[in-house]
Amino acid sequence: MRTKIALDDELVAKAQDFTGLTDKSALVREALKALLERESARRL
């Protein structure tokens, strides 16, 4: 699915530094996976 979103440049830069991911699509995908994992664990 293609989606156009506005991202905070500073947050993106920090996330790229932490993860080593430079591709923004991959970065958002990993962020969504992490959010789902965190919320799934919280609901147990």
N, C-alpha and C. Protein backbone atom coordinates (compact mmCIF):
# COMPACT_ATOMS: atom_id res chain seq x y z
N MET A 1 0.84 -1.17 0.00
CA MET A 1 0.00 0.00 0.00
C MET A 1 0.90 1.24 0.00
N ARG A 2 0.58 2.15 -0.84
CA ARG A 2 1.33 3.42 -0.87
C ARG A 2 0.57 4.44 -0.04
N THR A 3 1.31 5.15 0.80
CA THR A 3 0.73 6.18 1.64
C THR A 3 1.70 7.34 1.73
N LYS A 4 1.18 8.53 1.66
CA LYS A 4 2.02 9.72 1.82
C LYS A 4 1.85 10.21 3.25
N ILE A 5 2.96 10.31 3.99
CA ILE A 5 2.91 10.76 5.38
C ILE A 5 3.98 11.82 5.63
N ALA A 6 3.71 12.66 6.59
CA ALA A 6 4.69 13.67 7.00
C ALA A 6 5.42 13.12 8.23
N LEU A 7 6.74 13.11 8.18
CA LEU A 7 7.55 12.59 9.27
C LEU A 7 8.42 13.70 9.85
N ASP A 8 8.61 13.65 11.14
CA ASP A 8 9.50 14.60 11.81
C ASP A 8 10.94 14.27 11.42
N ASP A 9 11.62 15.21 10.79
CA ASP A 9 12.99 14.97 10.30
C ASP A 9 13.94 14.53 11.41
N GLU A 10 13.80 15.13 12.58
CA GLU A 10 14.68 14.80 13.70
C GLU A 10 14.44 13.36 14.19
N LEU A 11 13.16 12.96 14.27
CA LEU A 11 12.85 11.59 14.69
C LEU A 11 13.35 10.58 13.67
N VAL A 12 13.19 10.89 12.41
CA VAL A 12 13.66 9.99 11.35
C VAL A 12 15.17 9.85 11.43
N ALA A 13 15.87 10.94 11.60
CA ALA A 13 17.34 10.90 11.69
C ALA A 13 17.79 10.07 12.88
N LYS A 14 17.15 10.24 14.03
CA LYS A 14 17.51 9.46 15.22
C LYS A 14 17.24 7.98 15.00
N ALA A 15 16.08 7.67 14.42
CA ALA A 15 15.74 6.28 14.15
C ALA A 15 16.71 5.66 13.16
N GLN A 16 17.11 6.41 12.16
CA GLN A 16 18.09 5.91 11.20
C GLN A 16 19.43 5.66 11.87
N ASP A 17 19.84 6.54 12.75
CA ASP A 17 21.10 6.34 13.48
C ASP A 17 21.04 5.10 14.35
N PHE A 18 19.92 4.91 15.07
CA PHE A 18 19.77 3.77 15.97
C PHE A 18 19.73 2.44 15.21
N THR A 19 19.03 2.42 14.08
CA THR A 19 18.79 1.16 13.37
C THR A 19 19.78 0.88 12.25
N GLY A 20 20.38 1.93 11.71
CA GLY A 20 21.23 1.75 10.55
C GLY A 20 20.44 1.68 9.25
N LEU A 21 19.13 1.81 9.33
CA LEU A 21 18.28 1.78 8.14
C LEU A 21 18.27 3.17 7.51
N THR A 22 18.52 3.22 6.21
CA THR A 22 18.49 4.51 5.53
C THR A 22 17.23 4.68 4.68
N ASP A 23 16.62 3.57 4.30
CA ASP A 23 15.40 3.60 3.50
C ASP A 23 14.21 3.92 4.41
N LYS A 24 13.52 5.00 4.12
CA LYS A 24 12.42 5.43 4.99
C LYS A 24 11.27 4.43 5.01
N SER A 25 11.01 3.75 3.90
CA SER A 25 9.96 2.74 3.89
C SER A 25 10.29 1.60 4.85
N ALA A 26 11.53 1.15 4.82
CA ALA A 26 11.97 0.09 5.72
C ALA A 26 11.91 0.57 7.16
N LEU A 27 12.27 1.81 7.39
CA LEU A 27 12.25 2.38 8.73
C LEU A 27 10.82 2.42 9.29
N VAL A 28 9.87 2.87 8.49
CA VAL A 28 8.47 2.92 8.93
C VAL A 28 7.94 1.51 9.14
N ARG A 29 8.29 0.58 8.26
CA ARG A 29 7.86 -0.82 8.40
C ARG A 29 8.35 -1.40 9.72
N GLU A 30 9.63 -1.18 10.05
CA GLU A 30 10.19 -1.68 11.32
C GLU A 30 9.52 -1.01 12.52
N ALA A 31 9.24 0.27 12.40
CA ALA A 31 8.57 0.98 13.50
C ALA A 31 7.17 0.41 13.73
N LEU A 32 6.44 0.12 12.66
CA LEU A 32 5.10 -0.45 12.81
C LEU A 32 5.17 -1.85 13.42
N LYS A 33 6.14 -2.65 13.00
CA LYS A 33 6.32 -3.98 13.59
C LYS A 33 6.61 -3.88 15.08
N ALA A 34 7.49 -2.96 15.46
CA ALA A 34 7.83 -2.78 16.88
C ALA A 34 6.62 -2.33 17.68
N LEU A 35 5.82 -1.44 17.12
CA LEU A 35 4.60 -0.98 17.79
C LEU A 35 3.64 -2.14 18.00
N LEU A 36 3.44 -2.95 16.98
CA LEU A 36 2.53 -4.09 17.10
C LEU A 36 3.03 -5.11 18.13
N GLU A 37 4.33 -5.37 18.14
CA GLU A 37 4.89 -6.30 19.12
C GLU A 37 4.69 -5.77 20.54
N ARG A 38 4.97 -4.48 20.74
CA ARG A 38 4.83 -3.87 22.07
C ARG A 38 3.39 -3.92 22.54
N GLU A 39 2.47 -3.56 21.68
CA GLU A 39 1.06 -3.53 22.07
C GLU A 39 0.52 -4.94 22.28
N SER A 40 0.97 -5.90 21.49
CA SER A 40 0.54 -7.29 21.66
C SER A 40 1.01 -7.83 23.01
N ALA A 41 2.25 -7.54 23.38
CA ALA A 41 2.80 -7.99 24.66
C ALA A 41 2.08 -7.32 25.82
N ARG A 42 1.73 -6.07 25.65
CA ARG A 42 1.06 -5.32 26.71
C ARG A 42 -0.34 -5.87 26.98
N ARG A 43 -0.97 -6.41 25.98
CA ARG A 43 -2.35 -6.89 26.11
C ARG A 43 -2.44 -8.32 26.65
N LEU A 44 -1.31 -8.96 26.86
CA LEU A 44 -1.34 -10.34 27.41
C LEU A 44 -1.72 -10.37 28.85
